[in-house]
Amino acid sequence: MRVLVISESKTLHKPPGEHPENPLRVEKLVSALKASGITYEEVSIRDVNVSEEEQLKLAKRIHAKGYVEYLVRLSRSVPVLIDEDTYMSQGSLELALVTLTQSYLQALNTKNTVFLISRPPGHHAGKGGKAMGASTQGFCILNNAAAAIIGFIDRGFKRLVVLDFDAHHGNGTMEIFYRERILQVDLHQDPSTLYPHTGYPEEMGEGEGFGYKVNLVLPMSSGDDLYLELASRVRELLNRYTPEALVVSAGFDAYLGDGLADLAATEISYYKLGELVGSLKVPVVVVLEGGYSIGLERGVVSFIEGLLGTPREYTVKTTTPRALFRKAVSEAESVLEKSSRRVLQ
């Protein structure tokens, strides 16, 4: 396994004022990796031997041409707000394009697992920016998970999976592949209580993609017990589906007390999600999404430990109210059963 950190994500794409998505996120994360003894590599945006023209072409394979050209125009007048949540500043587009390109290149080449740590996040960025009727782009500019899927497609892989466990629904990625036979499993907080207010169980895709979109909803205050239960059921589905490659949108804002969500996961939840991913024994690209508290550092370390199979004695620290637990598991069983009938036929 390789952990790659794009160095400039610690310095570029600075918000014009106070903002939870800022360079300090990656600085703290690197410090946590060092303290835990996890090996990582730092790479520079200059190490990507791909011209800006080619990077923009890649972006236009994922996003609408007009949207990409709009970003280029905005980049000439920074600092500027794309919307009330999403900013661009000096170097924002350059960093976003390199992160997108690295996501693609890692998928094109890796035989094992790569965790790409960079910013800005991407899973809320749809074809034209705002996705599935969302009010904003939720801090995202370009969709890195989608770029990784395109990389795997260009390798000739067909049985592909996106696993997204950010507290917020990955509406951008889901919009991009909503009509495609890309299996997308998204664990997120109840969309009636949290941005982007999409990701209901009945949103199962359209056309060829119907049944390939699996939205598993977690009620507010969901704890480790529910995460572990749903992770075991997702693991069963993926083992039966036998994917050729996997993309993970790794968000850590479901951690207890994050501040931007209302869930209560702790280290064991992320450790078990890491174990799930590692158990598949296929090429994997992990891209960083959300996480805005101490849960980012703790969650990433425990997730990587799970991926590596490092023995740890994490325990269930938080539990979900019984009635909510039973309801969430029942809904998940229904969604997974409907999806299985389609994707396992």
Foldseek 3Di string as FASTA:
>chain_A
DAEEEAVCLLPFFADPDDALRGSVLVVVQVVLCVVVVNDYYYDYLVVPPDDPVVLLVLQVVFAPNVLSVVVVVCQVPPQDAPDPRETHHPCRVSQLSSLLVVLLVCLLDDFAEYEYEHDDAALCQARNGHFPPFPHSRHHRTHNLVSSVVSNVVNVFDAEEEEEEAQEWSRRVCRRCLQHQYQYEYEHEQLVVAPPSDQDLVSQGDHNRRLSYGRQYAYFAAELVLLLVLLVVVLVLCVLLLGQEYEYADAQCLDCPQPRGRYHYFLVSLLSNLLSRLVSSHYYYYYYHYGRDVSSNSSVVSNVCSVVVPDDDDDGDGHDPPVSSVVSVVSNVVSSVSSCVSSND
